Amino acid sequence: DNAKNTVYLQMNSLKPEDTAIYYCNAELWTDYHWEWYW
């Protein structure tokens, strides 16, 4: 949802092997450069 600066992940039919820490990642433009954030 670009208006909310939000990304979603819908996960269905989950399996035990899906167990993990899930991290969000994005390339953002701030004042003077592009930078990857976690």
PDB file of all heavy atoms in Angstrom:
ATOM      1  N   ASP A   1       0.873  -1.159   0.000  1.00  0.00           N
ATOM      2  CA  ASP A   1       0.000   0.000   0.000  1.00  0.00           C
ATOM      3  C   ASP A   1       0.915   1.215   0.000  1.00  0.00           C
ATOM      4  O   ASP A   1       1.465   1.585   1.035  1.00  0.00           O
ATOM      5  CB  ASP A   1      -0.912  -0.010   1.223  1.00  0.00           C
ATOM      6  CG  ASP A   1      -1.927   1.117   1.219  1.00  0.00           C
ATOM      7  OD1 ASP A   1      -1.689   2.145   0.559  1.00  0.00           O
ATOM      8  OD2 ASP A   1      -2.973   0.972   1.882  1.00  0.00           O
ATOM      9  N   ASN A   2       1.086   1.828  -1.165  1.00  0.00           N
ATOM     10  CA  ASN A   2       2.035   2.931  -1.288  1.00  0.00           C
ATOM     11  C   ASN A   2       1.638   4.152  -0.460  1.00  0.00           C
ATOM     12  O   ASN A   2       2.501   4.889   0.020  1.00  0.00           O
ATOM     13  CB  ASN A   2       2.190   3.329  -2.758  1.00  0.00           C
ATOM     14  CG  ASN A   2       2.908   2.270  -3.575  1.00  0.00           C
ATOM     15  OD1 ASN A   2       3.766   1.546  -3.065  1.00  0.00           O
ATOM     16  ND2 ASN A   2       2.562   2.171  -4.851  1.00  0.00           N
ATOM     17  N   ALA A   3       0.349   4.369  -0.297  1.00  0.00           N
ATOM     18  CA  ALA A   3      -0.119   5.500   0.491  1.00  0.00           C
ATOM     19  C   ALA A   3       0.266   5.358   1.961  1.00  0.00           C
ATOM     20  O   ALA A   3       0.385   6.357   2.674  1.00  0.00           O
ATOM     21  CB  ALA A   3      -1.627   5.671   0.353  1.00  0.00           C
ATOM     22  N   LYS A   4       0.433   4.119   2.410  1.00  0.00           N
ATOM     23  CA  LYS A   4       0.776   3.857   3.803  1.00  0.00           C
ATOM     24  C   LYS A   4       2.228   3.436   3.988  1.00  0.00           C
ATOM     25  O   LYS A   4       2.633   3.120   5.110  1.00  0.00           O
ATOM     26  CB  LYS A   4      -0.135   2.778   4.378  1.00  0.00           C
ATOM     27  CG  LYS A   4      -1.599   3.175   4.455  1.00  0.00           C
ATOM     28  CD  LYS A   4      -2.423   2.073   5.100  1.00  0.00           C
ATOM     29  CE  LYS A   4      -3.868   2.501   5.259  1.00  0.00           C
ATOM     30  NZ  LYS A   4      -4.688   1.441   5.904  1.00  0.00           N
ATOM     31  N   ASN A   5       3.009   3.423   2.906  1.00  0.00           N
ATOM     32  CA  ASN A   5       4.402   2.977   2.964  1.00  0.00           C
ATOM     33  C   ASN A   5       4.513   1.610   3.631  1.00  0.00           C
ATOM     34  O   ASN A   5       5.400   1.371   4.459  1.00  0.00           O
ATOM     35  CB  ASN A   5       5.270   3.996   3.715  1.00  0.00           C
ATOM     36  CG  ASN A   5       5.501   5.265   2.918  1.00  0.00           C
ATOM     37  OD1 ASN A   5       5.214   5.342   1.729  1.00  0.00           O
ATOM     38  ND2 ASN A   5       6.037   6.282   3.585  1.00  0.00           N
ATOM     39  N   THR A   6       3.629   0.710   3.246  1.00  0.00           N
ATOM     40  CA  THR A   6       3.523  -0.584   3.909  1.00  0.00           C
ATOM     41  C   THR A   6       3.577  -1.727   2.904  1.00  0.00           C
ATOM     42  O   THR A   6       2.976  -1.647   1.829  1.00  0.00           O
ATOM     43  CB  THR A   6       2.218  -0.679   4.713  1.00  0.00           C
ATOM     44  OG1 THR A   6       2.184   0.367   5.696  1.00  0.00           O
ATOM     45  CG2 THR A   6       2.109  -2.023   5.417  1.00  0.00           C
ATOM     46  N   VAL A   7       4.283  -2.788   3.266  1.00  0.00           N
ATOM     47  CA  VAL A   7       4.313  -4.016   2.488  1.00  0.00           C
ATOM     48  C   VAL A   7       3.772  -5.142   3.361  1.00  0.00           C
ATOM     49  O   VAL A   7       4.003  -5.167   4.575  1.00  0.00           O
ATOM     50  CB  VAL A   7       5.736  -4.332   1.971  1.00  0.00           C
ATOM     51  CG1 VAL A   7       6.708  -4.543   3.128  1.00  0.00           C
ATOM     52  CG2 VAL A   7       5.716  -5.536   1.045  1.00  0.00           C
ATOM     53  N   TYR A   8       3.043  -6.071   2.740  1.00  0.00           N
ATOM     54  CA  TYR A   8       2.416  -7.175   3.450  1.00  0.00           C
ATOM     55  C   TYR A   8       2.898  -8.505   2.890  1.00  0.00           C
ATOM     56  O   TYR A   8       3.313  -8.606   1.734  1.00  0.00           O
ATOM     57  CB  TYR A   8       0.893  -7.125   3.317  1.00  0.00           C
ATOM     58  CG  TYR A   8       0.268  -5.823   3.739  1.00  0.00           C
ATOM     59  CD1 TYR A   8       0.006  -4.823   2.803  1.00  0.00           C
ATOM     60  CD2 TYR A   8      -0.067  -5.587   5.067  1.00  0.00           C
ATOM     61  CE1 TYR A   8      -0.575  -3.626   3.187  1.00  0.00           C
ATOM     62  CE2 TYR A   8      -0.645  -4.389   5.453  1.00  0.00           C
ATOM     63  CZ  TYR A   8      -0.897  -3.415   4.511  1.00  0.00           C
ATOM     64  OH  TYR A   8      -1.471  -2.225   4.890  1.00  0.00           O
ATOM     65  N   LEU A   9       2.800  -9.528   3.716  1.00  0.00           N
ATOM     66  CA  LEU A   9       3.056 -10.891   3.280  1.00  0.00           C
ATOM     67  C   LEU A   9       1.965 -11.783   3.839  1.00  0.00           C
ATOM     68  O   LEU A   9       1.900 -12.003   5.050  1.00  0.00           O
ATOM     69  CB  LEU A   9       4.426 -11.384   3.743  1.00  0.00           C
ATOM     70  CG  LEU A   9       4.814 -12.779   3.260  1.00  0.00           C
ATOM     71  CD1 LEU A   9       5.038 -12.777   1.746  1.00  0.00           C
ATOM     72  CD2 LEU A   9       6.069 -13.277   3.977  1.00  0.00           C
ATOM     73  N   GLN A  10       1.099 -12.286   2.960  1.00  0.00           N
ATOM     74  CA  GLN A  10       0.063 -13.229   3.346  1.00  0.00           C
ATOM     75  C   GLN A  10       0.620 -14.635   3.184  1.00  0.00           C
ATOM     76  O   GLN A  10       1.028 -15.022   2.087  1.00  0.00           O
ATOM     77  CB  GLN A  10      -1.180 -13.053   2.475  1.00  0.00           C
ATOM     78  CG  GLN A  10      -2.307 -14.028   2.781  1.00  0.00           C
ATOM     79  CD  GLN A  10      -2.923 -13.801   4.142  1.00  0.00           C
ATOM     80  OE1 GLN A  10      -3.203 -12.668   4.514  1.00  0.00           O
ATOM     81  NE2 GLN A  10      -3.127 -14.876   4.887  1.00  0.00           N
ATOM     82  N   MET A  11       0.636 -15.397   4.263  1.00  0.00           N
ATOM     83  CA  MET A  11       1.196 -16.739   4.266  1.00  0.00           C
ATOM     84  C   MET A  11       0.088 -17.742   4.552  1.00  0.00           C
ATOM     85  O   MET A  11      -0.544 -17.683   5.606  1.00  0.00           O
ATOM     86  CB  MET A  11       2.312 -16.863   5.307  1.00  0.00           C
ATOM     87  CG  MET A  11       3.426 -15.845   5.136  1.00  0.00           C
ATOM     88  SD  MET A  11       4.790 -16.080   6.312  1.00  0.00           S
ATOM     89  CE  MET A  11       3.945 -15.650   7.842  1.00  0.00           C
ATOM     90  N   ASN A  12      -0.147 -18.651   3.617  1.00  0.00           N
ATOM     91  CA  ASN A  12      -1.172 -19.673   3.745  1.00  0.00           C
ATOM     92  C   ASN A  12      -0.554 -21.062   3.727  1.00  0.00           C
ATOM     93  O   ASN A  12       0.580 -21.248   3.294  1.00  0.00           O
ATOM     94  CB  ASN A  12      -2.192 -19.551   2.607  1.00  0.00           C
ATOM     95  CG  ASN A  12      -2.919 -18.234   2.597  1.00  0.00           C
ATOM     96  OD1 ASN A  12      -3.233 -17.666   3.649  1.00  0.00           O
ATOM     97  ND2 ASN A  12      -3.215 -17.729   1.400  1.00  0.00           N
ATOM     98  N   SER A  13      -1.325 -22.043   4.193  1.00  0.00           N
ATOM     99  CA  SER A  13      -0.875 -23.435   4.225  1.00  0.00           C
ATOM    100  C   SER A  13       0.509 -23.559   4.838  1.00  0.00           C
ATOM    101  O   SER A  13       1.403 -24.213   4.288  1.00  0.00           O
ATOM    102  CB  SER A  13      -0.891 -24.022   2.804  1.00  0.00           C
ATOM    103  OG  SER A  13      -2.185 -23.958   2.240  1.00  0.00           O
ATOM    104  N   LEU A  14       0.687 -22.950   5.979  1.00  0.00           N
ATOM    105  CA  LEU A  14       2.003 -22.897   6.612  1.00  0.00           C
ATOM    106  C   LEU A  14       2.479 -24.279   7.048  1.00  0.00           C
ATOM    107  O   LEU A  14       1.683 -25.130   7.448  1.00  0.00           O
ATOM    108  CB  LEU A  14       1.974 -21.947   7.802  1.00  0.00           C
ATOM    109  CG  LEU A  14       1.985 -20.467   7.424  1.00  0.00           C
ATOM    110  CD1 LEU A  14       1.556 -19.608   8.608  1.00  0.00           C
ATOM    111  CD2 LEU A  14       3.375 -20.058   6.949  1.00  0.00           C
ATOM    112  N   LYS A  15       3.786 -24.466   6.954  1.00  0.00           N
ATOM    113  CA  LYS A  15       4.443 -25.712   7.315  1.00  0.00           C
ATOM    114  C   LYS A  15       5.465 -25.444   8.409  1.00  0.00           C
ATOM    115  O   LYS A  15       5.964 -24.328   8.538  1.00  0.00           O
ATOM    116  CB  LYS A  15       5.148 -26.313   6.092  1.00  0.00           C
ATOM    117  CG  LYS A  15       4.264 -26.518   4.889  1.00  0.00           C
ATOM    118  CD  LYS A  15       5.085 -26.968   3.693  1.00  0.00           C
ATOM    119  CE  LYS A  15       4.212 -27.159   2.468  1.00  0.00           C
ATOM    120  NZ  LYS A  15       5.011 -27.581   1.288  1.00  0.00           N
ATOM    121  N   PRO A  16       5.809 -26.464   9.200  1.00  0.00           N
ATOM    122  CA  PRO A  16       6.830 -26.270  10.240  1.00  0.00           C
ATOM    123  C   PRO A  16       8.137 -25.704   9.695  1.00  0.00           C
ATOM    124  O   PRO A  16       8.805 -24.930  10.393  1.00  0.00           O
ATOM    125  CB  PRO A  16       7.016 -27.679  10.812  1.00  0.00           C
ATOM    126  CG  PRO A  16       5.688 -28.325  10.620  1.00  0.00           C
ATOM    127  CD  PRO A  16       5.191 -27.804   9.294  1.00  0.00           C
ATOM    128  N   GLU A  17       8.517 -26.070   8.484  1.00  0.00           N
ATOM    129  CA  GLU A  17       9.747 -25.566   7.904  1.00  0.00           C
ATOM    130  C   GLU A  17       9.694 -24.090   7.540  1.00  0.00           C
ATOM    131  O   GLU A  17      10.718 -23.507   7.161  1.00  0.00           O
ATOM    132  CB  GLU A  17      10.167 -26.393   6.673  1.00  0.00           C
ATOM    133  CG  GLU A  17       9.050 -26.583   5.667  1.00  0.00           C
ATOM    134  CD  GLU A  17       8.338 -27.914   5.833  1.00  0.00           C
ATOM    135  OE1 GLU A  17       8.040 -28.293   6.980  1.00  0.00           O
ATOM    136  OE2 GLU A  17       8.087 -28.586   4.809  1.00  0.00           O
ATOM    137  N   ASP A  18       8.524 -23.468   7.646  1.00  0.00           N
ATOM    138  CA  ASP A  18       8.405 -22.030   7.456  1.00  0.00           C
ATOM    139  C   ASP A  18       8.816 -21.258   8.706  1.00  0.00           C
ATOM    140  O   ASP A  18       8.905 -20.027   8.670  1.00  0.00           O
ATOM    141  CB  ASP A  18       6.972 -21.640   7.080  1.00  0.00           C
ATOM    142  CG  ASP A  18       6.560 -22.178   5.721  1.00  0.00           C
ATOM    143  OD1 ASP A  18       7.385 -22.162   4.799  1.00  0.00           O
ATOM    144  OD2 ASP A  18       5.392 -22.613   5.596  1.00  0.00           O
ATOM    145  N   THR A  19       9.037 -21.951   9.805  1.00  0.00           N
ATOM    146  CA  THR A  19       9.440 -21.302  11.046  1.00  0.00           C
ATOM    147  C   THR A  19      10.757 -20.561  10.856  1.00  0.00           C
ATOM    148  O   THR A  19      11.753 -21.141  10.430  1.00  0.00           O
ATOM    149  CB  THR A  19       9.582 -22.334  12.172  1.00  0.00           C
ATOM    150  OG1 THR A  19       8.300 -22.916  12.450  1.00  0.00           O
ATOM    151  CG2 THR A  19      10.109 -21.688  13.441  1.00  0.00           C
ATOM    152  N   ALA A  20      10.759 -19.269  11.166  1.00  0.00           N
ATOM    153  CA  ALA A  20      11.933 -18.425  10.974  1.00  0.00           C
ATOM    154  C   ALA A  20      11.629 -17.024  11.477  1.00  0.00           C
ATOM    155  O   ALA A  20      10.486 -16.699  11.795  1.00  0.00           O
ATOM    156  CB  ALA A  20      12.318 -18.370   9.490  1.00  0.00           C
ATOM    157  N   ILE A  21      12.663 -16.198  11.528  1.00  0.00           N
ATOM    158  CA  ILE A  21      12.462 -14.771  11.705  1.00  0.00           C
ATOM    159  C   ILE A  21      12.303 -14.163  10.321  1.00  0.00           C
ATOM    160  O   ILE A  21      13.132 -14.393   9.439  1.00  0.00           O
ATOM    161  CB  ILE A  21      13.639 -14.106  12.437  1.00  0.00           C
ATOM    162  CG1 ILE A  21      13.817 -14.719  13.825  1.00  0.00           C
ATOM    163  CG2 ILE A  21      13.412 -12.608  12.560  1.00  0.00           C
ATOM    164  CD1 ILE A  21      15.027 -14.197  14.576  1.00  0.00           C
ATOM    165  N   TYR A  22      11.244 -13.409  10.125  1.00  0.00           N
ATOM    166  CA  TYR A  22      10.953 -12.790   8.843  1.00  0.00           C
ATOM    167  C   TYR A  22      11.331 -11.315   8.895  1.00  0.00           C
ATOM    168  O   TYR A  22      10.904 -10.584   9.789  1.00  0.00           O
ATOM    169  CB  TYR A  22       9.476 -12.962   8.490  1.00  0.00           C
ATOM    170  CG  TYR A  22       9.147 -14.359   8.033  1.00  0.00           C
ATOM    171  CD1 TYR A  22       9.157 -15.426   8.924  1.00  0.00           C
ATOM    172  CD2 TYR A  22       8.850 -14.625   6.698  1.00  0.00           C
ATOM    173  CE1 TYR A  22       8.892 -16.713   8.508  1.00  0.00           C
ATOM    174  CE2 TYR A  22       8.575 -15.907   6.267  1.00  0.00           C
ATOM    175  CZ  TYR A  22       8.598 -16.950   7.174  1.00  0.00           C
ATOM    176  OH  TYR A  22       8.325 -18.231   6.751  1.00  0.00           O
ATOM    177  N   TYR A  23      12.139 -10.890   7.921  1.00  0.00           N
ATOM    178  CA  TYR A  23      12.657  -9.531   7.874  1.00  0.00           C
ATOM    179  C   TYR A  23      12.105  -8.770   6.677  1.00  0.00           C
ATOM    180  O   TYR A  23      12.037  -9.304   5.569  1.00  0.00           O
ATOM    181  CB  TYR A  23      14.182  -9.533   7.766  1.00  0.00           C
ATOM    182  CG  TYR A  23      14.894 -10.115   8.964  1.00  0.00           C
ATOM    183  CD1 TYR A  23      15.232 -11.463   9.006  1.00  0.00           C
ATOM    184  CD2 TYR A  23      15.242  -9.316  10.048  1.00  0.00           C
ATOM    185  CE1 TYR A  23      15.896 -11.999  10.094  1.00  0.00           C
ATOM    186  CE2 TYR A  23      15.909  -9.843  11.136  1.00  0.00           C
ATOM    187  CZ  TYR A  23      16.233 -11.188  11.156  1.00  0.00           C
ATOM    188  OH  TYR A  23      16.900 -11.720  12.242  1.00  0.00           O
ATOM    189  N   CYS A  24      11.760  -7.530   6.908  1.00  0.00           N
ATOM    190  CA  CYS A  24      11.357  -6.624   5.847  1.00  0.00           C
ATOM    191  C   CYS A  24      12.586  -5.910   5.295  1.00  0.00           C
ATOM    192  O   CYS A  24      13.525  -5.593   6.032  1.00  0.00           O
ATOM    193  CB  CYS A  24      10.349  -5.613   6.401  1.00  0.00           C
ATOM    194  SG  CYS A  24       9.785  -4.370   5.221  1.00  0.00           S
ATOM    195  N   ASN A  25      12.583  -5.647   3.995  1.00  0.00           N
ATOM    196  CA  ASN A  25      13.686  -4.982   3.315  1.00  0.00           C
ATOM    197  C   ASN A  25      13.117  -3.977   2.316  1.00  0.00           C
ATOM    198  O   ASN A  25      12.114  -4.246   1.662  1.00  0.00           O
ATOM    199  CB  ASN A  25      14.552  -6.033   2.607  1.00  0.00           C
ATOM    200  CG  ASN A  25      15.566  -5.436   1.658  1.00  0.00           C
ATOM    201  OD1 ASN A  25      15.426  -5.544   0.442  1.00  0.00           O
ATOM    202  ND2 ASN A  25      16.594  -4.815   2.214  1.00  0.00           N
ATOM    203  N   ALA A  26      13.758  -2.813   2.208  1.00  0.00           N
ATOM    204  CA  ALA A  26      13.284  -1.806   1.264  1.00  0.00           C
ATOM    205  C   ALA A  26      14.415  -0.881   0.858  1.00  0.00           C
ATOM    206  O   ALA A  26      15.317  -0.592   1.657  1.00  0.00           O
ATOM    207  CB  ALA A  26      12.136  -0.990   1.859  1.00  0.00           C
ATOM    208  N   GLU A  27      14.368  -0.411  -0.396  1.00  0.00           N
ATOM    209  CA  GLU A  27      15.302   0.591  -0.886  1.00  0.00           C
ATOM    210  C   GLU A  27      14.614   1.951  -0.795  1.00  0.00           C
ATOM    211  O   GLU A  27      13.599   2.183  -1.446  1.00  0.00           O
ATOM    212  CB  GLU A  27      15.726   0.296  -2.317  1.00  0.00           C
ATOM    213  CG  GLU A  27      16.829   1.210  -2.811  1.00  0.00           C
ATOM    214  CD  GLU A  27      17.249   0.903  -4.234  1.00  0.00           C
ATOM    215  OE1 GLU A  27      16.448   0.308  -4.981  1.00  0.00           O
ATOM    216  OE2 GLU A  27      18.387   1.269  -4.606  1.00  0.00           O
ATOM    217  N   LEU A  28      15.183   2.841   0.013  1.00  0.00           N
ATOM    218  CA  LEU A  28      14.572   4.121   0.312  1.00  0.00           C
ATOM    219  C   LEU A  28      15.461   5.281  -0.114  1.00  0.00           C
ATOM    220  O   LEU A  28      16.682   5.217   0.020  1.00  0.00           O
ATOM    221  CB  LEU A  28      14.299   4.247   1.818  1.00  0.00           C
ATOM    222  CG  LEU A  28      13.563   3.086   2.491  1.00  0.00           C
ATOM    223  CD1 LEU A  28      13.441   3.351   3.985  1.00  0.00           C
ATOM    224  CD2 LEU A  28      12.191   2.886   1.872  1.00  0.00           C
ATOM    225  N   TRP A  29      14.832   6.347  -0.623  1.00  0.00           N
ATOM    226  CA  TRP A  29      15.533   7.586  -0.928  1.00  0.00           C
ATOM    227  C   TRP A  29      15.301   8.559   0.210  1.00  0.00           C
ATOM    228  O   TRP A  29      14.155   8.911   0.514  1.00  0.00           O
ATOM    229  CB  TRP A  29      15.054   8.185  -2.247  1.00  0.00           C
ATOM    230  CG  TRP A  29      15.708   9.496  -2.573  1.00  0.00           C
ATOM    231  CD1 TRP A  29      15.219  10.745  -2.354  1.00  0.00           C
ATOM    232  CD2 TRP A  29      16.992   9.676  -3.182  1.00  0.00           C
ATOM    233  NE1 TRP A  29      16.101  11.689  -2.776  1.00  0.00           N
ATOM    234  CE2 TRP A  29      17.210  11.065  -3.297  1.00  0.00           C
ATOM    235  CE3 TRP A  29      17.973   8.807  -3.645  1.00  0.00           C
ATOM    236  CZ2 TRP A  29      18.366  11.602  -3.848  1.00  0.00           C
ATOM    237  CZ3 TRP A  29      19.127   9.336  -4.193  1.00  0.00           C
ATOM    238  CH2 TRP A  29      19.316  10.711  -4.289  1.00  0.00           C
ATOM    239  N   THR A  30      16.381   9.003   0.826  1.00  0.00           N
ATOM    240  CA  THR A  30      16.264   9.973   1.900  1.00  0.00           C
ATOM    241  C   THR A  30      16.675  11.349   1.371  1.00  0.00           C
ATOM    242  O   THR A  30      16.099  11.834   0.410  1.00  0.00           O
ATOM    243  CB  THR A  30      17.096   9.545   3.120  1.00  0.00           C
ATOM    244  OG1 THR A  30      18.464   9.349   2.741  1.00  0.00           O
ATOM    245  CG2 THR A  30      16.558   8.236   3.680  1.00  0.00           C
ATOM    246  N   ASP A  31      17.658  11.985   1.960  1.00  0.00           N
ATOM    247  CA  ASP A  31      18.027  13.340   1.548  1.00  0.00           C
ATOM    248  C   ASP A  31      18.966  13.387   0.350  1.00  0.00           C
ATOM    249  O   ASP A  31      18.883  14.298  -0.467  1.00  0.00           O
ATOM    250  CB  ASP A  31      18.661  14.097   2.712  1.00  0.00           C
ATOM    251  CG  ASP A  31      17.631  14.596   3.711  1.00  0.00           C
ATOM    252  OD1 ASP A  31      16.437  14.641   3.367  1.00  0.00           O
ATOM    253  OD2 ASP A  31      18.027  14.954   4.836  1.00  0.00           O
ATOM    254  N   TYR A  32      19.853  12.401   0.235  1.00  0.00           N
ATOM    255  CA  TYR A  32      20.889  12.532  -0.787  1.00  0.00           C
ATOM    256  C   TYR A  32      21.288  11.248  -1.493  1.00  0.00           C
ATOM    257  O   TYR A  32      22.138  11.280  -2.383  1.00  0.00           O
ATOM    258  CB  TYR A  32      22.144  13.168  -0.176  1.00  0.00           C
ATOM    259  CG  TYR A  32      22.839  12.321   0.856  1.00  0.00           C
ATOM    260  CD1 TYR A  32      23.909  11.501   0.502  1.00  0.00           C
ATOM    261  CD2 TYR A  32      22.442  12.346   2.181  1.00  0.00           C
ATOM    262  CE1 TYR A  32      24.555  10.724   1.441  1.00  0.00           C
ATOM    263  CE2 TYR A  32      23.075  11.563   3.129  1.00  0.00           C
ATOM    264  CZ  TYR A  32      24.131  10.756   2.751  1.00  0.00           C
ATOM    265  OH  TYR A  32      24.771   9.978   3.693  1.00  0.00           O
ATOM    266  N   HIS A  33      20.698  10.112  -1.122  1.00  0.00           N
ATOM    267  CA  HIS A  33      21.072   8.863  -1.775  1.00  0.00           C
ATOM    268  C   HIS A  33      20.031   7.773  -1.544  1.00  0.00           C
ATOM    269  O   HIS A  33      19.162   7.899  -0.679  1.00  0.00           O
ATOM    270  CB  HIS A  33      22.446   8.400  -1.295  1.00  0.00           C
ATOM    271  CG  HIS A  33      22.473   7.864   0.108  1.00  0.00           C
ATOM    272  ND1 HIS A  33      21.711   8.356   1.117  1.00  0.00           N
ATOM    273  CD2 HIS A  33      23.208   6.845   0.650  1.00  0.00           C
ATOM    274  CE1 HIS A  33      21.955   7.693   2.231  1.00  0.00           C
ATOM    275  NE2 HIS A  33      22.869   6.779   1.960  1.00  0.00           N
ATOM    276  N   TRP A  34      20.136   6.704  -2.349  1.00  0.00           N
ATOM    277  CA  TRP A  34      19.353   5.493  -2.132  1.00  0.00           C
ATOM    278  C   TRP A  34      20.096   4.613  -1.138  1.00  0.00           C
ATOM    279  O   TRP A  34      21.313   4.475  -1.195  1.00  0.00           O
ATOM    280  CB  TRP A  34      19.164   4.715  -3.432  1.00  0.00           C
ATOM    281  CG  TRP A  34      18.234   5.361  -4.400  1.00  0.00           C
ATOM    282  CD1 TRP A  34      18.566   6.100  -5.493  1.00  0.00           C
ATOM    283  CD2 TRP A  34      16.797   5.309  -4.362  1.00  0.00           C
ATOM    284  NE1 TRP A  34      17.437   6.516  -6.147  1.00  0.00           N
ATOM    285  CE2 TRP A  34      16.336   6.046  -5.477  1.00  0.00           C
ATOM    286  CE3 TRP A  34      15.872   4.719  -3.513  1.00  0.00           C
ATOM    287  CZ2 TRP A  34      14.979   6.206  -5.750  1.00  0.00           C
ATOM    288  CZ3 TRP A  34      14.521   4.880  -3.785  1.00  0.00           C
ATOM    289  CH2 TRP A  34      14.092   5.612  -4.892  1.00  0.00           C
ATOM    290  N   GLU A  35      19.332   4.007  -0.256  1.00  0.00           N
ATOM    291  CA  GLU A  35      19.933   3.146   0.748  1.00  0.00           C
ATOM    292  C   GLU A  35      18.987   1.995   1.076  1.00  0.00           C
ATOM    293  O   GLU A  35      17.775   2.185   1.159  1.00  0.00           O
ATOM    294  CB  GLU A  35      20.257   3.935   2.021  1.00  0.00           C
ATOM    295  CG  GLU A  35      20.957   3.129   3.093  1.00  0.00           C
ATOM    296  CD  GLU A  35      21.377   3.964   4.286  1.00  0.00           C
ATOM    297  OE1 GLU A  35      21.276   5.199   4.216  1.00  0.00           O
ATOM    298  OE2 GLU A  35      21.813   3.373   5.292  1.00  0.00           O
ATOM    299  N   TRP A  36      19.558   0.800   1.238  1.00  0.00           N
ATOM    300  CA  TRP A  36      18.776  -0.368   1.634  1.00  0.00           C
ATOM    301  C   TRP A  36      18.637  -0.400   3.144  1.00  0.00           C
ATOM    302  O   TRP A  36      19.608  -0.239   3.881  1.00  0.00           O
ATOM    303  CB  TRP A  36      19.437  -1.648   1.140  1.00  0.00           C
ATOM    304  CG  TRP A  36      19.298  -1.830  -0.339  1.00  0.00           C
ATOM    305  CD1 TRP A  36      20.202  -1.514  -1.300  1.00  0.00           C
ATOM    306  CD2 TRP A  36      18.160  -2.385  -1.016  1.00  0.00           C
ATOM    307  NE1 TRP A  36      19.715  -1.821  -2.536  1.00  0.00           N
ATOM    308  CE2 TRP A  36      18.461  -2.360  -2.401  1.00  0.00           C
ATOM    309  CE3 TRP A  36      16.933  -2.892  -0.593  1.00  0.00           C
ATOM    310  CZ2 TRP A  36      17.567  -2.825  -3.368  1.00  0.00           C
ATOM    311  CZ3 TRP A  36      16.038  -3.357  -1.552  1.00  0.00           C
ATOM    312  CH2 TRP A  36      16.365  -3.315  -2.917  1.00  0.00           C
ATOM    313  N   TYR A  37      17.409  -0.652   3.603  1.00  0.00           N
ATOM    314  CA  TYR A  37      17.114  -0.744   5.024  1.00  0.00           C
ATOM    315  C   TYR A  37      16.534  -2.102   5.350  1.00  0.00           C
ATOM    316  O   TYR A  37      15.874  -2.733   4.517  1.00  0.00           O
ATOM    317  CB  TYR A  37      16.119   0.342   5.444  1.00  0.00           C
ATOM    318  CG  TYR A  37      16.686   1.733   5.477  1.00  0.00           C
ATOM    319  CD1 TYR A  37      16.799   2.491   4.325  1.00  0.00           C
ATOM    320  CD2 TYR A  37      17.114   2.297   6.676  1.00  0.00           C
ATOM    321  CE1 TYR A  37      17.322   3.769   4.352  1.00  0.00           C
ATOM    322  CE2 TYR A  37      17.635   3.579   6.712  1.00  0.00           C
ATOM    323  CZ  TYR A  37      17.733   4.310   5.543  1.00  0.00           C
ATOM    324  OH  TYR A  37      18.251   5.579   5.591  1.00  0.00           O
ATOM    325  N   TRP A  38      16.776  -2.542   6.567  1.00  0.00           N
ATOM    326  CA  TRP A  38      16.237  -3.787   7.089  1.00  0.00           C
ATOM    327  C   TRP A  38      15.449  -3.532   8.357  1.00  0.00           C
ATOM    328  O   TRP A  38      15.838  -2.703   9.185  1.00  0.00           O
ATOM    329  CB  TRP A  38      17.352  -4.780   7.416  1.00  0.00           C
ATOM    330  CG  TRP A  38      18.054  -5.327   6.214  1.00  0.00           C
ATOM    331  CD1 TRP A  38      19.163  -4.835   5.611  1.00  0.00           C
ATOM    332  CD2 TRP A  38      17.677  -6.494   5.483  1.00  0.00           C
ATOM    333  NE1 TRP A  38      19.513  -5.614   4.543  1.00  0.00           N
ATOM    334  CE2 TRP A  38      18.625  -6.637   4.439  1.00  0.00           C
ATOM    335  CE3 TRP A  38      16.645  -7.432   5.613  1.00  0.00           C
ATOM    336  CZ2 TRP A  38      18.549  -7.695   3.518  1.00  0.00           C
ATOM    337  CZ3 TRP A  38      16.580  -8.461   4.693  1.00  0.00           C
ATOM    338  CH2 TRP A  38      17.526  -8.582   3.674  1.00  0.00           C
TER     339      TRP A  38
END
